[in-house]
Amino acid sequence: MGRSLTAYSTIPVANEDDARATVKALEEYSHAKVTLVHVVEKAGGAPDKLSLERVEGLADESFAAFREIVPDVETELVYDESVVQAISDLAVAVDASAIAFRPRGCSRLVQLLAGDRASRLVTESELPVLALTNTDGEGS
């Protein structure tokens, strides 16, 4: 028998609200080890939208919100031009058994224009990807 899918999950969080909703969805499932990742999307030579201090503050707020429910987690702040690739690369680097995420809702037009990161994460990752139950109804 192989590894458990929930033995070690890498979980992306975008902001404080997302972290709270994600940890709420994760509460329903057993999990052994978790590494949270907050990815700062770099613009590939263009000026950054937020200062380094603000970016680090947003990541810290996200991590703290998650830790209110699940205190024993590792955290990583990653800078990359591709959010999806950064999540996948980190999960492989830490030897996670899976990537778990809570799909965030947005309109089909936004998905078309910006690219559907959830779909790309599922189809491009080297590891299994688990979509957590969307307990707040967002994205339906």
C-alpha atoms as a PDB file:
ATOM      1  CA  MET A   1       0.000   0.000   0.000  1.00  0.00           C
ATOM      2  CA  GLY A   2       1.285   3.496  -0.865  1.00  0.00           C
ATOM      3  CA  ARG A   3       1.370   6.760   1.034  1.00  0.00           C
ATOM      4  CA  SER A   4      -1.690   8.394   2.505  1.00  0.00           C
ATOM      5  CA  LEU A   5      -2.979  11.370   0.529  1.00  0.00           C
ATOM      6  CA  THR A   6      -3.376  13.356   3.741  1.00  0.00           C
ATOM      7  CA  ALA A   7      -0.067  12.410   5.360  1.00  0.00           C
ATOM      8  CA  TYR A   8       1.530  15.714   4.370  1.00  0.00           C
ATOM      9  CA  SER A   9      -0.386  18.441   2.573  1.00  0.00           C
ATOM     10  CA  THR A  10       0.832  21.656   1.043  1.00  0.00           C
ATOM     11  CA  ILE A  11      -1.979  24.196   1.267  1.00  0.00           C
ATOM     12  CA  PRO A  12      -1.995  27.587  -0.481  1.00  0.00           C
ATOM     13  CA  VAL A  13      -3.603  30.564   1.259  1.00  0.00           C
ATOM     14  CA  ALA A  14      -4.190  33.871  -0.508  1.00  0.00           C
ATOM     15  CA  ASN A  15      -5.206  36.137   2.369  1.00  0.00           C
ATOM     16  CA  GLU A  16      -6.601  36.139   5.892  1.00  0.00           C
ATOM     17  CA  ASP A  17     -10.215  35.396   4.857  1.00  0.00           C
ATOM     18  CA  ASP A  18      -9.100  32.616   2.536  1.00  0.00           C
ATOM     19  CA  ALA A  19      -6.958  31.098   5.302  1.00  0.00           C
ATOM     20  CA  ARG A  20      -9.925  31.059   7.701  1.00  0.00           C
ATOM     21  CA  ALA A  21     -12.233  29.472   5.114  1.00  0.00           C
ATOM     22  CA  THR A  22      -9.570  26.942   4.133  1.00  0.00           C
ATOM     23  CA  VAL A  23      -8.828  25.842   7.693  1.00  0.00           C
ATOM     24  CA  LYS A  24     -12.584  25.573   8.320  1.00  0.00           C
ATOM     25  CA  ALA A  25     -12.858  23.216   5.335  1.00  0.00           C
ATOM     26  CA  LEU A  26      -9.781  21.265   6.462  1.00  0.00           C
ATOM     27  CA  GLU A  27     -11.180  20.723   9.980  1.00  0.00           C
ATOM     28  CA  GLU A  28     -13.479  18.006   8.656  1.00  0.00           C
ATOM     29  CA  TYR A  29     -10.572  15.812   7.541  1.00  0.00           C
ATOM     30  CA  SER A  30      -7.714  14.107   9.284  1.00  0.00           C
ATOM     31  CA  HIS A  31      -4.347  15.516   8.393  1.00  0.00           C
ATOM     32  CA  ALA A  32      -0.937  14.805   9.801  1.00  0.00           C
ATOM     33  CA  LYS A  33       1.428  17.500   8.575  1.00  0.00           C
ATOM     34  CA  VAL A  34       0.716  20.775   6.778  1.00  0.00           C
ATOM     35  CA  THR A  35       2.857  23.370   5.060  1.00  0.00           C
ATOM     36  CA  LEU A  36       1.010  26.558   4.224  1.00  0.00           C
ATOM     37  CA  VAL A  37       2.231  28.530   1.239  1.00  0.00           C
ATOM     38  CA  HIS A  38       1.508  32.139   0.378  1.00  0.00           C
ATOM     39  CA  VAL A  39       2.665  32.956  -3.149  1.00  0.00           C
ATOM     40  CA  VAL A  40       3.493  36.491  -4.194  1.00  0.00           C
ATOM     41  CA  GLU A  41       3.059  36.725  -7.938  1.00  0.00           C
ATOM     42  CA  LYS A  42       5.991  38.570  -9.447  1.00  0.00           C
ATOM     43  CA  ALA A  43       5.416  40.681 -12.535  1.00  0.00           C
ATOM     44  CA  GLY A  44       8.512  39.561 -14.438  1.00  0.00           C
ATOM     45  CA  GLY A  45      10.429  42.832 -14.390  1.00  0.00           C
ATOM     46  CA  ALA A  46       7.486  45.159 -13.841  1.00  0.00           C
ATOM     47  CA  PRO A  47       7.197  47.037 -10.543  1.00  0.00           C
ATOM     48  CA  ASP A  48       5.622  45.088  -7.700  1.00  0.00           C
ATOM     49  CA  LYS A  49       2.076  46.070  -6.727  1.00  0.00           C
ATOM     50  CA  LEU A  50       2.790  46.006  -2.978  1.00  0.00           C
ATOM     51  CA  SER A  51       5.809  46.795  -0.837  1.00  0.00           C
ATOM     52  CA  LEU A  52       7.860  43.966   0.625  1.00  0.00           C
ATOM     53  CA  GLU A  53       6.649  44.912   4.108  1.00  0.00           C
ATOM     54  CA  ARG A  54       2.992  44.764   3.027  1.00  0.00           C
ATOM     55  CA  VAL A  55       3.464  41.423   1.230  1.00  0.00           C
ATOM     56  CA  GLU A  56       5.114  39.887   4.284  1.00  0.00           C
ATOM     57  CA  GLY A  57       2.368  41.350   6.500  1.00  0.00           C
ATOM     58  CA  LEU A  58      -0.373  39.795   4.342  1.00  0.00           C
ATOM     59  CA  ALA A  59       1.369  36.422   4.484  1.00  0.00           C
ATOM     60  CA  ASP A  60       1.798  36.662   8.259  1.00  0.00           C
ATOM     61  CA  GLU A  61      -1.896  37.570   8.676  1.00  0.00           C
ATOM     62  CA  SER A  62      -2.896  34.600   6.520  1.00  0.00           C
ATOM     63  CA  PHE A  63      -0.688  32.204   8.468  1.00  0.00           C
ATOM     64  CA  ALA A  64      -1.917  33.545  11.819  1.00  0.00           C
ATOM     65  CA  ALA A  65      -5.575  33.139  10.799  1.00  0.00           C
ATOM     66  CA  PHE A  66      -4.950  29.487   9.856  1.00  0.00           C
ATOM     67  CA  ARG A  67      -3.055  28.870  13.097  1.00  0.00           C
ATOM     68  CA  GLU A  68      -6.061  30.012  15.134  1.00  0.00           C
ATOM     69  CA  ILE A  69      -7.552  26.564  14.392  1.00  0.00           C
ATOM     70  CA  VAL A  70      -4.522  24.441  13.431  1.00  0.00           C
ATOM     71  CA  PRO A  71      -1.537  25.870  15.289  1.00  0.00           C
ATOM     72  CA  ASP A  72       1.078  23.298  14.300  1.00  0.00           C
ATOM     73  CA  VAL A  73       1.852  24.151  10.667  1.00  0.00           C
ATOM     74  CA  GLU A  74       4.942  25.085   8.730  1.00  0.00           C
ATOM     75  CA  THR A  75       4.806  28.170   6.513  1.00  0.00           C
ATOM     76  CA  GLU A  76       6.489  29.329   3.340  1.00  0.00           C
ATOM     77  CA  LEU A  77       6.376  32.695   1.578  1.00  0.00           C
ATOM     78  CA  VAL A  78       7.284  32.212  -2.084  1.00  0.00           C
ATOM     79  CA  TYR A  79       7.888  34.764  -4.842  1.00  0.00           C
ATOM     80  CA  ASP A  80       7.284  33.527  -8.397  1.00  0.00           C
ATOM     81  CA  GLU A  81       5.855  34.585 -11.752  1.00  0.00           C
ATOM     82  CA  SER A  82       3.532  31.559 -11.726  1.00  0.00           C
ATOM     83  CA  VAL A  83       1.407  30.944  -8.636  1.00  0.00           C
ATOM     84  CA  VAL A  84       0.471  27.455  -9.809  1.00  0.00           C
ATOM     85  CA  GLN A  85       4.064  26.437 -10.557  1.00  0.00           C
ATOM     86  CA  ALA A  86       5.261  27.866  -7.231  1.00  0.00           C
ATOM     87  CA  ILE A  87       2.702  25.832  -5.262  1.00  0.00           C
ATOM     88  CA  SER A  88       3.529  22.658  -7.155  1.00  0.00           C
ATOM     89  CA  ASP A  89       7.297  23.173  -6.890  1.00  0.00           C
ATOM     90  CA  LEU A  90       7.126  23.796  -3.145  1.00  0.00           C
ATOM     91  CA  ALA A  91       4.975  20.707  -2.567  1.00  0.00           C
ATOM     92  CA  VAL A  92       7.507  18.568  -4.410  1.00  0.00           C
ATOM     93  CA  ALA A  93      10.441  20.210  -2.601  1.00  0.00           C
ATOM     94  CA  VAL A  94       9.007  19.488   0.861  1.00  0.00           C
ATOM     95  CA  ASP A  95       8.011  15.955  -0.202  1.00  0.00           C
ATOM     96  CA  ALA A  96       4.306  16.529   0.430  1.00  0.00           C
ATOM     97  CA  SER A  97       1.925  13.690  -0.353  1.00  0.00           C
ATOM     98  CA  ALA A  98      -0.669  16.044  -1.879  1.00  0.00           C
ATOM     99  CA  ILE A  99      -1.721  19.634  -2.463  1.00  0.00           C
ATOM    100  CA  ALA A 100      -5.012  20.592  -0.833  1.00  0.00           C
ATOM    101  CA  PHE A 101      -6.850  23.814  -1.593  1.00  0.00           C
ATOM    102  CA  ARG A 102     -10.239  25.455  -1.257  1.00  0.00           C
ATOM    103  CA  PRO A 103     -11.513  26.610  -4.642  1.00  0.00           C
ATOM    104  CA  ARG A 104     -12.229  30.322  -4.668  1.00  0.00           C
ATOM    105  CA  GLY A 105     -15.118  31.558  -6.717  1.00  0.00           C
ATOM    106  CA  CYS A 106     -14.884  34.026  -9.533  1.00  0.00           C
ATOM    107  CA  SER A 107     -16.876  34.649 -12.657  1.00  0.00           C
ATOM    108  CA  ARG A 108     -16.330  32.652 -15.829  1.00  0.00           C
ATOM    109  CA  LEU A 109     -15.166  35.854 -17.533  1.00  0.00           C
ATOM    110  CA  VAL A 110     -12.435  36.364 -14.913  1.00  0.00           C
ATOM    111  CA  GLN A 111     -11.429  32.706 -15.294  1.00  0.00           C
ATOM    112  CA  LEU A 112     -11.218  33.151 -19.069  1.00  0.00           C
ATOM    113  CA  LEU A 113      -9.208  36.380 -18.897  1.00  0.00           C
ATOM    114  CA  ALA A 114      -6.911  35.525 -15.990  1.00  0.00           C
ATOM    115  CA  GLY A 115      -6.669  31.783 -16.469  1.00  0.00           C
ATOM    116  CA  ASP A 116      -8.271  29.306 -14.127  1.00  0.00           C
ATOM    117  CA  ARG A 117      -5.595  28.601 -11.518  1.00  0.00           C
ATOM    118  CA  ALA A 118      -7.614  25.826  -9.877  1.00  0.00           C
ATOM    119  CA  SER A 119      -7.881  23.949 -13.153  1.00  0.00           C
ATOM    120  CA  ARG A 120      -4.191  24.469 -13.893  1.00  0.00           C
ATOM    121  CA  LEU A 121      -3.219  23.300 -10.404  1.00  0.00           C
ATOM    122  CA  VAL A 122      -5.183  20.083 -10.868  1.00  0.00           C
ATOM    123  CA  THR A 123      -3.910  19.386 -14.385  1.00  0.00           C
ATOM    124  CA  GLU A 124      -0.292  20.574 -14.121  1.00  0.00           C
ATOM    125  CA  SER A 125       0.803  19.417 -10.659  1.00  0.00           C
ATOM    126  CA  GLU A 126       3.150  16.466 -10.216  1.00  0.00           C
ATOM    127  CA  LEU A 127       1.263  15.506  -7.041  1.00  0.00           C
ATOM    128  CA  PRO A 128      -2.356  14.604  -6.315  1.00  0.00           C
ATOM    129  CA  VAL A 129      -4.517  17.685  -5.751  1.00  0.00           C
ATOM    130  CA  LEU A 130      -7.435  17.644  -3.319  1.00  0.00           C
ATOM    131  CA  ALA A 131     -10.196  20.244  -3.535  1.00  0.00           C
ATOM    132  CA  LEU A 132     -11.556  20.890  -0.052  1.00  0.00           C
ATOM    133  CA  THR A 133     -15.270  21.294   0.489  1.00  0.00           C
ATOM    134  CA  ASN A 134     -16.375  24.872  -0.008  1.00  0.00           C
ATOM    135  CA  THR A 135     -18.216  25.309   3.294  1.00  0.00           C
ATOM    136  CA  ASP A 136     -19.137  28.981   2.846  1.00  0.00           C
ATOM    137  CA  GLY A 137     -20.935  28.592  -0.487  1.00  0.00           C
ATOM    138  CA  GLU A 138     -18.481  30.854  -2.339  1.00  0.00           C
ATOM    139  CA  GLY A 139     -17.714  29.810  -5.863  1.00  0.00           C
ATOM    140  CA  SER A 140     -20.897  27.838  -6.436  1.00  0.00           C
END
